[in-house]
Protein backbone atom coordinates (compact mmCIF):
# COMPACT_ATOMS: atom_id res chain seq x y z
CA MET A 1 -58.73 -42.47 -8.08
CA ASN A 2 -57.34 -41.13 -11.33
CA ALA A 3 -53.93 -42.14 -12.59
CA PRO A 4 -51.46 -40.12 -14.62
CA PRO A 5 -51.99 -40.30 -18.41
CA SER A 6 -48.95 -42.46 -18.92
CA ASP A 7 -50.31 -45.00 -16.45
CA ARG A 8 -53.68 -45.07 -18.13
CA GLN A 9 -52.05 -45.67 -21.48
CA ALA A 10 -49.89 -48.48 -20.14
CA SER A 11 -52.84 -50.20 -18.46
CA SER A 12 -55.84 -49.65 -20.65
CA HIS A 13 -56.98 -53.25 -19.67
CA PRO A 14 -55.76 -53.56 -16.11
CA ALA A 15 -55.24 -57.13 -14.86
CA THR A 16 -57.28 -57.93 -11.76
CA PRO A 17 -56.65 -60.98 -9.45
CA LEU A 18 -59.68 -62.70 -10.97
CA HIS A 19 -58.15 -62.36 -14.41
CA GLY A 20 -55.01 -64.02 -13.09
CA TYR A 21 -56.88 -66.99 -11.61
CA ILE A 22 -58.92 -67.48 -14.82
CA ALA A 23 -55.81 -67.31 -16.97
CA ALA A 24 -53.99 -69.78 -14.69
CA ALA A 25 -56.91 -72.21 -14.81
CA LEU A 26 -57.09 -71.97 -18.60
CA ALA A 27 -53.35 -72.55 -18.88
CA VAL A 28 -53.60 -75.68 -16.63
CA ILE A 29 -56.55 -76.95 -18.72
CA ALA A 30 -54.65 -76.42 -21.93
CA MET A 31 -51.58 -78.19 -20.58
CA THR A 32 -53.75 -81.03 -19.36
CA ALA A 33 -55.23 -81.45 -22.85
CA ILE A 34 -51.77 -81.49 -24.39
CA SER A 35 -50.53 -83.98 -21.84
CA LEU A 36 -53.48 -86.28 -22.53
CA LEU A 37 -52.47 -86.32 -26.15
CA LEU A 38 -48.88 -87.13 -25.23
CA VAL A 39 -49.53 -89.56 -22.39
CA HIS A 40 -48.71 -92.57 -24.51
CA ALA A 41 -45.61 -90.97 -26.00
CA ILE A 42 -43.77 -89.68 -22.99
CA ALA A 43 -43.14 -90.90 -19.45
CA LEU A 44 -45.44 -89.98 -16.60
CA GLY A 45 -42.67 -88.07 -14.82
CA ASN A 46 -42.12 -85.84 -17.85
CA ILE A 47 -45.81 -84.95 -17.88
CA ALA A 48 -45.33 -83.54 -14.35
CA LEU A 49 -42.60 -81.29 -15.71
CA LEU A 50 -44.94 -80.02 -18.41
CA TYR A 51 -47.19 -78.59 -15.68
CA LEU A 52 -44.43 -76.12 -14.68
CA VAL A 53 -45.13 -74.21 -17.91
CA PRO A 54 -48.59 -72.83 -16.81
CA VAL A 55 -47.14 -72.16 -13.32
CA MET A 56 -44.34 -69.97 -14.75
CA PHE A 57 -46.73 -68.31 -17.18
CA ALA A 58 -49.25 -67.36 -14.43
CA ALA A 59 -46.56 -66.16 -12.01
CA ALA A 60 -44.71 -64.08 -14.58
CA ARG A 61 -47.84 -62.62 -16.10
CA TYR A 62 -50.10 -62.13 -13.11
CA GLY A 63 -47.96 -62.44 -9.99
CA LEU A 64 -47.26 -64.78 -7.10
CA ARG A 65 -50.86 -65.59 -6.19
CA ALA A 66 -51.80 -66.59 -9.72
CA GLY A 67 -48.62 -68.72 -9.85
CA LEU A 68 -49.46 -70.54 -6.59
CA PHE A 69 -52.97 -71.10 -7.84
CA ALA A 70 -51.62 -72.56 -11.06
CA GLY A 71 -49.25 -74.84 -9.06
CA LEU A 72 -52.09 -76.17 -6.92
CA ALA A 73 -54.38 -76.64 -9.95
CA SER A 74 -51.57 -78.43 -11.82
CA SER A 75 -51.03 -80.79 -8.92
CA LEU A 76 -54.72 -81.62 -8.75
CA ALA A 77 -55.00 -82.09 -12.55
CA TYR A 78 -51.88 -84.28 -12.62
CA ASN A 79 -53.27 -86.41 -9.85
CA PHE A 80 -56.77 -86.58 -11.31
CA PHE A 81 -55.88 -87.33 -14.91
CA PHE A 82 -52.58 -89.16 -14.79
CA LEU A 83 -51.83 -90.78 -11.41
CA PRO A 84 -53.58 -94.15 -10.88
CA PRO A 85 -56.33 -94.62 -10.09
CA THR A 86 -57.15 -91.91 -12.72
CA GLY A 87 -60.44 -90.05 -12.52
CA THR A 88 -60.13 -89.62 -8.72
CA LEU A 89 -57.96 -87.57 -6.34
CA THR A 90 -56.89 -90.77 -4.61
CA VAL A 91 -53.23 -91.83 -4.77
CA ASP A 92 -52.49 -95.45 -3.79
CA ASN A 93 -48.82 -95.57 -4.74
CA PRO A 94 -46.42 -93.88 -2.23
CA ALA A 95 -44.00 -93.10 -5.04
CA ASN A 96 -46.73 -91.14 -6.83
CA ILE A 97 -47.42 -89.20 -3.61
CA ILE A 98 -43.80 -88.13 -3.56
CA SER A 99 -43.97 -87.13 -7.24
CA LEU A 100 -47.11 -85.12 -6.53
CA LEU A 101 -45.52 -83.32 -3.57
CA VAL A 102 -42.38 -82.59 -5.60
CA LEU A 103 -44.48 -81.16 -8.39
CA LEU A 104 -46.32 -78.97 -5.91
CA GLY A 105 -43.05 -77.80 -4.26
CA VAL A 106 -41.35 -77.05 -7.54
CA ALA A 107 -44.44 -75.16 -8.65
CA ILE A 108 -44.33 -72.99 -5.51
CA VAL A 109 -40.65 -72.18 -5.83
CA THR A 110 -40.99 -71.49 -9.53
CA SER A 111 -43.93 -69.18 -8.82
CA GLN A 112 -41.88 -67.18 -6.31
CA PHE A 113 -38.94 -66.79 -8.71
CA ALA A 114 -41.17 -65.79 -11.58
CA ALA A 115 -43.15 -63.34 -9.45
CA SER A 116 -39.95 -61.81 -8.11
CA ALA A 117 -38.62 -61.37 -11.62
CA ARG A 118 -41.90 -59.78 -12.64
CA ALA A 119 -41.81 -57.37 -9.69
CA GLN A 120 -38.21 -56.32 -10.52
CA ALA A 121 -39.16 -55.75 -14.14
CA GLN A 122 -42.09 -53.63 -13.11
CA ARG A 123 -39.97 -51.56 -10.76
CA ALA A 124 -37.37 -51.05 -13.47
CA GLN A 125 -40.05 -50.05 -15.92
CA GLU A 126 -41.59 -47.65 -13.45
CA SER A 127 -38.22 -46.16 -12.60
CA ALA A 128 -37.40 -45.69 -16.29
CA ARG A 129 -40.79 -44.09 -16.90
CA GLN A 130 -40.38 -41.65 -14.00
CA ASN A 131 -36.83 -40.80 -15.07
CA ALA A 132 -38.12 -40.06 -18.54
CA MET A 133 -40.85 -37.85 -17.07
CA LEU A 134 -38.35 -35.96 -14.90
CA ALA A 135 -35.96 -35.54 -17.80
CA GLY A 136 -38.74 -34.12 -19.96
CA PHE A 137 -39.86 -31.86 -17.13
CA SER A 138 -36.33 -30.54 -16.65
CA ARG A 139 -35.94 -30.00 -20.37
CA HIS A 140 -39.08 -27.91 -20.60
CA LEU A 141 -38.04 -25.77 -17.59
CA SER A 142 -34.55 -25.21 -19.04
CA ALA A 143 -36.08 -23.88 -22.23
CA ALA A 144 -37.88 -21.04 -20.39
CA ALA A 145 -36.44 -17.63 -21.29
CA GLY A 146 -37.74 -15.67 -18.31
CA GLN A 147 -39.27 -16.03 -14.88
CA GLU A 148 -42.86 -15.64 -16.07
CA GLU A 149 -42.38 -18.24 -18.78
CA LEU A 150 -40.69 -20.57 -16.32
CA MET A 151 -43.65 -20.34 -13.89
CA GLN A 152 -46.08 -21.05 -16.65
CA SER A 153 -44.00 -24.04 -17.79
CA VAL A 154 -44.01 -25.46 -14.26
CA CYS A 155 -47.82 -25.35 -14.17
CA THR A 156 -48.17 -26.72 -17.70
CA GLU A 157 -45.90 -29.70 -17.13
CA ILE A 158 -47.33 -30.60 -13.71
CA ALA A 159 -50.84 -30.37 -15.13
CA ARG A 160 -49.86 -32.60 -18.07
CA LEU A 161 -47.91 -35.24 -16.11
CA LEU A 162 -50.35 -35.58 -13.22
CA ASP A 163 -53.59 -34.79 -15.07
CA VAL A 164 -54.49 -32.03 -12.61
CA ARG A 165 -55.23 -28.31 -12.55
CA ALA A 166 -52.16 -26.43 -11.42
CA ILE A 167 -51.44 -22.95 -10.14
CA LEU A 168 -48.27 -21.26 -8.90
CA LEU A 169 -48.15 -18.46 -6.32
CA THR A 170 -45.23 -16.41 -5.02
CA PRO A 171 -44.84 -14.83 -1.55
CA SER A 172 -45.30 -11.10 -0.96
CA VAL A 173 -46.00 -8.78 1.93
CA GLU A 174 -49.66 -8.71 0.89
CA GLY A 175 -49.88 -12.51 0.81
CA PRO A 176 -49.57 -15.13 -1.93
CA ILE A 177 -49.80 -13.72 -5.46
CA LEU A 178 -51.10 -15.85 -8.34
CA ARG A 179 -48.42 -15.87 -11.03
CA ALA A 180 -49.33 -18.79 -13.35
CA ALA A 181 -52.14 -21.30 -13.80
CA VAL A 182 -53.31 -24.15 -16.05
CA PRO A 183 -56.05 -23.65 -17.00
CA PRO A 184 -55.91 -19.86 -16.47
CA GLU A 185 -57.31 -18.79 -13.11
CA ASP A 186 -58.28 -15.19 -12.47
CA ARG A 187 -58.13 -15.38 -8.69
CA ILE A 188 -58.08 -17.66 -5.67
CA ASP A 189 -60.50 -17.38 -2.76
CA ARG A 190 -59.67 -16.78 0.86
CA ILE A 191 -59.49 -20.45 1.81
CA GLU A 192 -57.00 -21.21 -0.92
CA ALA A 193 -54.98 -18.13 -0.04
CA ALA A 194 -54.87 -19.22 3.62
CA ALA A 195 -53.75 -22.72 2.70
CA ALA A 196 -51.01 -21.36 0.40
CA GLN A 197 -49.80 -18.98 3.06
CA TRP A 198 -49.71 -21.80 5.63
CA ALA A 199 -47.66 -23.92 3.24
CA MET A 200 -45.20 -21.05 2.79
CA ASP A 201 -44.93 -20.39 6.53
CA HIS A 202 -44.55 -24.01 7.64
CA LEU A 203 -42.78 -25.55 4.60
CA GLN A 204 -45.36 -28.34 4.55
CA PRO A 205 -48.26 -29.26 2.27
CA ALA A 206 -51.63 -27.73 3.10
CA GLY A 207 -55.13 -28.18 1.69
CA ARG A 208 -57.01 -31.14 0.30
CA GLY A 209 -55.26 -34.45 1.02
CA SER A 210 -52.95 -32.97 3.64
CA ILE A 211 -53.28 -32.81 7.40
CA THR A 212 -54.44 -29.19 7.65
CA LEU A 213 -56.88 -26.76 5.97
CA THR A 214 -58.57 -29.61 4.17
CA ALA A 215 -61.55 -27.43 3.31
CA SER A 216 -59.54 -26.09 0.43
CA ASP A 217 -60.14 -27.77 -2.94
CA TRP A 218 -56.47 -27.30 -3.71
CA LEU A 219 -53.43 -29.05 -2.33
CA PHE A 220 -50.49 -26.62 -1.95
CA HIS A 221 -46.86 -27.73 -1.83
CA PRO A 222 -44.11 -25.22 -0.98
CA LEU A 223 -41.15 -24.80 -3.32
CA HIS A 224 -38.20 -23.93 -1.14
CA THR A 225 -34.44 -23.90 -1.39
CA GLN A 226 -31.66 -22.95 0.98
CA ARG A 227 -32.53 -19.30 0.33
CA GLY A 228 -36.14 -19.82 1.55
CA VAL A 229 -39.57 -20.29 -0.06
CA VAL A 230 -39.63 -19.25 -3.70
CA ALA A 231 -43.23 -20.24 -4.47
CA VAL A 232 -46.03 -22.67 -3.76
CA VAL A 233 -47.69 -25.00 -6.28
CA GLY A 234 -51.38 -25.79 -6.00
CA MET A 235 -52.99 -28.90 -7.52
CA ALA A 236 -56.64 -29.89 -7.81
CA ARG A 237 -58.91 -32.20 -9.82
CA ASP A 238 -62.15 -31.33 -11.48
CA ASP A 239 -63.76 -34.56 -10.18
CA GLY A 240 -62.91 -33.63 -6.59
CA ASP A 241 -60.58 -36.60 -6.11
CA LEU A 242 -57.26 -36.31 -4.27
CA PRO A 243 -54.78 -34.31 -6.40
CA ILE A 244 -51.83 -36.73 -6.07
CA PRO A 245 -52.47 -40.35 -7.15
CA THR A 246 -51.47 -43.10 -4.74
CA GLY A 247 -47.87 -44.21 -5.19
CA HIS A 248 -46.78 -41.00 -6.93
CA ASP A 249 -45.59 -39.05 -3.91
CA ALA A 250 -41.94 -39.58 -4.79
CA LEU A 251 -42.53 -38.45 -8.36
CA VAL A 252 -44.35 -35.33 -7.22
CA THR A 253 -41.60 -34.53 -4.75
CA SER A 254 -38.99 -34.82 -7.48
CA LEU A 255 -40.99 -32.59 -9.82
CA LEU A 256 -41.43 -29.92 -7.15
CA ASP A 257 -37.74 -30.07 -6.15
CA GLN A 258 -36.75 -29.52 -9.81
CA ALA A 259 -39.20 -26.63 -10.07
CA ALA A 260 -37.81 -25.00 -6.90
CA VAL A 261 -34.26 -25.26 -8.13
CA ALA A 262 -35.23 -23.86 -11.54
CA LEU A 263 -37.08 -20.91 -10.03
CA ASP A 264 -34.23 -20.19 -7.61
CA ARG A 265 -31.69 -20.39 -10.44
CA MET A 266 -33.73 -18.00 -12.56
CA ALA A 267 -34.05 -15.55 -9.67
CA LEU A 268 -30.28 -15.64 -9.10
CA GLU A 269 -29.64 -15.05 -12.79
CA ASP A 270 -32.01 -12.04 -12.72
CA GLN A 271 -30.18 -10.63 -9.66
CA MET A 272 -26.81 -11.15 -11.26
CA LEU A 273 -28.01 -9.45 -14.43
CA GLU A 274 -29.34 -6.52 -12.42
CA ALA A 275 -26.06 -6.28 -10.49
CA ARG A 276 -24.08 -6.27 -13.70
CA GLN A 277 -26.32 -3.52 -15.11
CA VAL A 278 -25.92 -1.45 -11.95
CA ALA A 279 -22.13 -1.91 -11.99
CA GLU A 280 -21.99 -0.92 -15.64
CA ARG A 281 -24.16 2.13 -15.05
CA ASP A 282 -21.96 3.20 -12.14
CA ARG A 283 -18.83 2.68 -14.21
CA LEU A 284 -20.21 4.80 -17.03
CA ARG A 285 -21.34 7.53 -14.62
CA ALA A 286 -17.94 7.64 -12.93
CA ALA A 287 -16.19 7.80 -16.29
CA LEU A 288 -18.48 10.59 -17.42
CA LEU A 289 -17.96 12.57 -14.19
CA SER A 290 -14.24 12.15 -14.37
CA SER A 291 -14.07 13.15 -18.01
CA VAL A 292 -16.31 16.21 -17.64
CA SER A 293 -14.51 17.34 -14.52
CA HIS A 294 -11.11 17.18 -16.14
CA ASP A 295 -12.37 19.03 -19.22
CA LEU A 296 -13.82 21.78 -17.03
CA ARG A 297 -10.80 22.14 -14.77
CA THR A 298 -8.38 23.17 -17.49
CA PRO A 299 -10.30 26.31 -18.65
CA LEU A 300 -11.10 27.15 -15.05
CA THR A 301 -7.46 27.19 -14.13
CA SER A 302 -6.82 29.61 -17.03
CA ILE A 303 -9.69 31.86 -15.89
CA LEU A 304 -8.40 31.99 -12.31
CA THR A 305 -4.85 32.73 -13.46
CA ALA A 306 -6.08 35.54 -15.72
CA ALA A 307 -8.27 36.98 -12.96
CA GLN A 308 -5.34 37.08 -10.50
CA ALA A 309 -3.19 38.83 -13.14
CA LEU A 310 -5.92 41.38 -13.77
CA ARG A 311 -6.21 42.02 -10.02
CA GLN A 312 -2.53 42.85 -9.86
CA GLU A 313 -2.77 45.21 -12.84
CA GLN A 314 -6.07 46.89 -12.09
CA GLY A 315 -8.19 46.09 -9.07
CA SER A 316 -11.86 46.00 -9.84
CA THR A 317 -15.05 44.53 -8.40
CA LEU A 318 -15.57 42.76 -11.72
CA VAL A 319 -12.27 41.00 -11.29
CA ASP A 320 -13.32 40.00 -7.79
CA THR A 321 -16.55 38.62 -9.19
CA ILE A 322 -14.77 36.65 -11.89
CA GLU A 323 -12.35 35.21 -9.38
CA SER A 324 -15.01 34.42 -6.78
CA GLU A 325 -17.31 32.68 -9.22
CA ALA A 326 -14.41 30.84 -10.85
CA GLN A 327 -13.30 29.64 -7.38
CA ARG A 328 -16.85 28.42 -6.67
CA LEU A 329 -17.03 26.62 -9.97
CA ASN A 330 -13.62 25.13 -9.24
CA ARG A 331 -14.93 23.68 -5.95
CA PHE A 332 -17.84 22.08 -7.78
CA VAL A 333 -15.48 20.49 -10.26
CA ALA A 334 -13.25 19.31 -7.39
CA ASN A 335 -16.25 17.73 -5.74
CA LEU A 336 -17.16 15.94 -8.96
CA LEU A 337 -13.64 14.61 -9.23
CA ASP A 338 -13.56 13.52 -5.59
CA MET A 339 -16.93 11.77 -6.02
CA ALA A 340 -15.67 9.93 -9.07
CA ARG A 341 -12.61 8.78 -7.10
CA LEU A 342 -14.78 7.62 -4.23
CA GLU A 343 -17.13 5.60 -6.41
CA ALA A 344 -14.22 4.14 -8.36
CA GLY A 345 -12.50 3.05 -5.15
CA ALA A 346 -9.37 4.88 -6.28
CA LEU A 347 -8.84 6.98 -3.17
CA PRO A 348 -5.15 7.38 -2.36
CA MET A 349 -4.35 7.42 1.36
CA ARG A 350 -1.31 8.93 3.05
CA VAL A 351 -1.81 8.78 6.77
CA GLU A 352 0.38 10.89 9.01
CA ALA A 353 0.27 12.70 12.37
CA THR A 354 -1.95 15.73 11.99
CA ASP A 355 -2.64 18.68 14.28
CA LEU A 356 -6.33 19.53 14.25
CA LEU A 357 -5.72 23.22 14.88
CA ASP A 358 -3.45 23.43 11.83
CA ALA A 359 -6.03 21.54 9.77
CA VAL A 360 -8.80 23.89 10.83
CA SER A 361 -6.72 26.99 10.17
CA ALA A 362 -5.84 25.80 6.66
CA ALA A 363 -9.45 25.03 5.89
CA ILE A 364 -10.57 28.49 7.07
CA ALA A 365 -7.95 30.12 4.88
CA ASP A 366 -9.09 28.20 1.80
CA THR A 367 -12.77 29.03 2.39
CA ARG A 368 -12.41 32.71 3.25
CA GLN A 369 -14.48 33.70 0.23
CA ALA A 370 -17.24 31.19 1.01
CA LEU A 371 -17.26 32.48 4.61
CA ALA A 372 -17.36 36.14 3.56
CA GLY A 373 -20.01 37.96 5.61
CA HIS A 374 -19.56 35.55 8.53
CA MET A 375 -17.47 35.65 11.64
CA VAL A 376 -15.57 32.47 12.38
CA THR A 377 -14.98 31.26 15.95
CA VAL A 378 -12.54 28.47 16.58
CA ASP A 379 -13.16 26.76 19.93
CA LEU A 380 -10.75 23.83 20.20
CA SER A 381 -9.71 22.35 23.53
CA PRO A 382 -6.01 22.93 24.18
CA ASP A 383 -5.47 19.32 25.14
CA LEU A 384 -6.50 17.80 21.82
CA PRO A 385 -3.96 15.20 20.78
CA LEU A 386 -2.50 14.73 17.36
CA VAL A 387 -4.46 12.33 15.18
CA ARG A 388 -3.23 9.89 12.58
CA VAL A 389 -5.27 10.67 9.42
CA ASP A 390 -4.71 11.67 5.81
CA PRO A 391 -4.35 15.50 6.09
CA VAL A 392 -5.50 16.05 2.47
CA LEU A 393 -8.73 14.09 2.95
CA LEU A 394 -9.36 15.81 6.30
CA HIS A 395 -8.78 19.16 4.62
CA HIS A 396 -11.40 18.29 2.00
CA CYS A 397 -13.84 17.32 4.71
CA LEU A 398 -13.37 20.59 6.59
CA ILE A 399 -13.58 22.91 3.57
CA ASN A 400 -16.79 21.20 2.42
CA LEU A 401 -18.32 21.63 5.89
CA LEU A 402 -17.16 25.27 6.10
CA ASP A 403 -18.41 25.97 2.58
CA ASN A 404 -21.74 24.44 3.57
CA ALA A 405 -21.91 26.61 6.72
CA GLY A 406 -21.03 29.73 4.75
CA ARG A 407 -23.80 29.14 2.25
CA TYR A 408 -26.52 28.16 4.69
CA GLY A 409 -25.70 30.27 7.74
CA ALA A 410 -27.69 33.48 7.97
CA PRO A 411 -25.68 36.55 6.76
CA GLY A 412 -23.72 38.25 9.56
CA THR A 413 -23.90 35.23 11.85
CA THR A 414 -20.98 33.34 13.29
CA VAL A 415 -19.69 30.00 12.11
CA ILE A 416 -18.32 28.03 15.05
CA ILE A 417 -15.68 25.32 14.79
CA ARG A 418 -15.63 23.36 18.04
CA GLY A 419 -13.39 20.52 19.15
CA ARG A 420 -13.91 18.49 22.30
CA SER A 421 -12.41 15.35 23.78
CA GLU A 422 -14.59 12.53 25.04
CA ALA A 423 -13.73 9.24 26.66
CA ASP A 424 -13.14 7.38 23.44
CA ALA A 425 -13.18 10.03 20.72
CA ILE A 426 -12.65 13.61 19.58
CA LEU A 427 -15.74 15.43 18.31
CA LEU A 428 -14.88 18.13 15.73
CA SER A 429 -18.02 20.15 14.91
CA VAL A 430 -18.90 22.89 12.42
CA ILE A 431 -21.95 24.87 13.56
CA ASP A 432 -23.84 27.39 11.43
CA GLN A 433 -26.76 29.65 12.44
CA GLY A 434 -29.10 28.81 9.60
CA PRO A 435 -32.56 27.30 9.37
CA GLY A 436 -31.33 23.89 10.53
CA ILE A 437 -32.15 20.46 9.13
CA PRO A 438 -35.71 19.13 8.60
CA ALA A 439 -36.53 16.64 11.36
CA GLY A 440 -35.80 13.00 10.43
CA GLN A 441 -33.75 14.01 7.36
CA GLU A 442 -30.36 14.21 9.01
CA ALA A 443 -29.00 10.95 7.50
CA ARG A 444 -30.33 11.77 4.02
CA LEU A 445 -28.11 14.85 3.82
CA PHE A 446 -25.15 12.57 3.16
CA GLU A 447 -26.76 10.75 0.22
CA THR A 448 -25.51 11.57 -3.27
CA PHE A 449 -27.28 14.48 -5.01
CA THR A 450 -29.75 14.78 -2.12
CA ARG A 451 -31.76 17.99 -2.03
CA LEU A 452 -34.28 18.18 0.73
CA ALA A 453 -37.75 19.42 -0.26
CA GLY A 454 -38.94 22.45 1.68
CA SER A 455 -35.42 23.32 2.71
CA ASP A 456 -32.92 25.81 1.36
CA ARG A 457 -30.13 23.23 1.76
CA ALA A 458 -30.02 22.91 -1.98
CA VAL A 459 -28.96 26.49 -2.57
CA HIS A 460 -25.92 26.85 -4.79
CA GLY A 461 -24.71 23.29 -4.35
CA THR A 462 -24.18 20.12 -6.33
CA GLY A 463 -25.44 17.88 -3.56
CA LEU A 464 -22.02 16.18 -3.45
CA GLY A 465 -20.14 18.04 -0.71
CA LEU A 466 -21.61 16.22 2.28
CA THR A 467 -21.43 12.90 0.48
CA ILE A 468 -17.74 13.46 -0.08
CA VAL A 469 -17.29 14.39 3.58
CA LYS A 470 -18.90 11.09 4.63
CA GLY A 471 -16.89 9.05 2.09
CA PHE A 472 -13.54 10.62 3.01
CA ALA A 473 -14.26 10.35 6.75
CA GLU A 474 -15.14 6.67 6.54
CA ALA A 475 -12.06 6.01 4.41
CA MET A 476 -9.95 7.31 7.28
CA GLY A 477 -11.85 5.30 9.89
CA LEU A 478 -13.84 8.36 11.10
CA SER A 479 -17.58 9.03 11.00
CA VAL A 480 -19.74 12.09 10.49
CA ALA A 481 -23.23 13.01 11.65
CA ALA A 482 -25.64 15.92 11.29
CA SER A 483 -27.98 17.38 13.89
CA ASN A 484 -29.69 20.55 14.96
CA VAL A 485 -28.49 22.58 17.91
CA ALA A 486 -30.30 25.13 20.01
CA ASP A 487 -27.48 27.42 21.21
CA PRO A 488 -26.80 28.86 18.75
CA SER A 489 -29.77 27.74 16.71
CA GLY A 490 -28.71 26.03 13.51
CA ALA A 491 -27.19 22.95 12.01
CA CYS A 492 -24.22 21.06 13.45
CA PHE A 493 -22.02 18.68 11.48
CA THR A 494 -19.70 16.59 13.65
CA ILE A 495 -16.72 14.48 12.64
CA ARG A 496 -16.09 11.80 15.21
CA ILE A 497 -12.43 10.83 15.50
CA PRO A 498 -12.10 7.56 17.48
CA ASP A 499 -9.33 7.01 20.03
CA THR A 500 -7.81 4.33 17.77
CA VAL A 501 -6.35 7.06 15.56
CA MET A 502 -5.21 9.36 18.37
CA ILE A 503 -1.47 9.60 18.67
CA GLY A 504 -1.58 9.40 22.46
CA ASN A 505 -2.97 5.86 22.22
CA MET A 506 -0.39 4.69 19.67
CA THR A 507 2.99 3.03 20.08
CA LEU A 508 6.23 4.22 18.64
CA LYS A 509 5.83 1.54 15.93
CA ASP A 510 2.57 3.20 14.85
CA LEU A 511 4.25 6.53 14.53
CA ALA A 512 7.05 5.16 12.39
């Protein structure tokens, strides 16, 4: 099995157990030769201590087994060369037997200590190496300027650190999409796509070296955060070996966790940037609408005043035309202003007890020109209670609905205003006798600037009136809906007033 590049560099001449035994034997032989030279200069007991040197060397350099082997070899060499009778493994003096056993015991203990210290040093070295790899990986990901660059950096770093081929795929409704690869991959086949999708669905590895879909040459790991799966990373080797070297599972897990966090962070930053751009665009649009509307309203007021003065001095159809068109233009400007107030969230509210019949009568009076050529029928139940709403906002809702009915109702037809009580609400409807609403498009009528294709509901309008009706109604706790009716045939717009705002269901405290 291949090892990461850093491992291969650190162990270009890997030590095998045989190497340890040979080195231990050579160390014991060398110490025996030195001891033979010093046998006449130092005491026999001190020679036994010299044999601890090869024991510590073998244990520290090659591990516990090499150290134990050196301890046993040292005991035999000490017995053979220095304990009488020399040249044999026989010991005839009980004191020398004790010395030999002590030497063997000290050698074993020393080997264990040295091997333990070696293992700790190796673990510390491995931990430092992996921390350095993770720090470098994080540094490269942090330097990415965009999502595409980040994905490519993930593949590049994983390929470099693990000496594998790496690809990154993101989820979509059509299945996993290849977004980055090292080396570049044009496509993945169906087996790889199935393994990647399985990893996304089950949040577990899939493919070669895992427990499922092992026919794939790639091993796929999901990258997921608390917000869900953000991508999957695939790894493979050209030699067909397992993608992840033995003992590197923790390192791979840390790398993938960092990649998932980096991708999630980048996605959040993109969403925040998009949200800021949308908010700024809305702010500019609202400011533009407000500014233009105010600039238009001033000359319109002058035109209307002049037209009314002319009517008093000399009645004329031209004066009527000027006044009618100026009134229509004034409604458009009012709608623009109301829309700007809605989007800015600056909608003043003054809720008070309101009689629906009075509200309907006032709205009819203000839209008499828009309803010219139509008869108006008011059909309100006599038992309708007072409602607690903002009368100004309700007035705007009604004049927009009546203006809409006047423009889209067939000439000479009747516009019906109907009010009925239900168990938990009052339904206040405005019904025209026009072509109706295209099927399935009822909700779209209330969207801003909506003009329905194939319908004449865009005639002479800004596309804001119904949006304003919806916004004002919801601000008061009401709702509005559109539908087609059969008797009479046409469109019906209904404001639903819930029982929570009916005066009859309120306490004296609510009325205060």
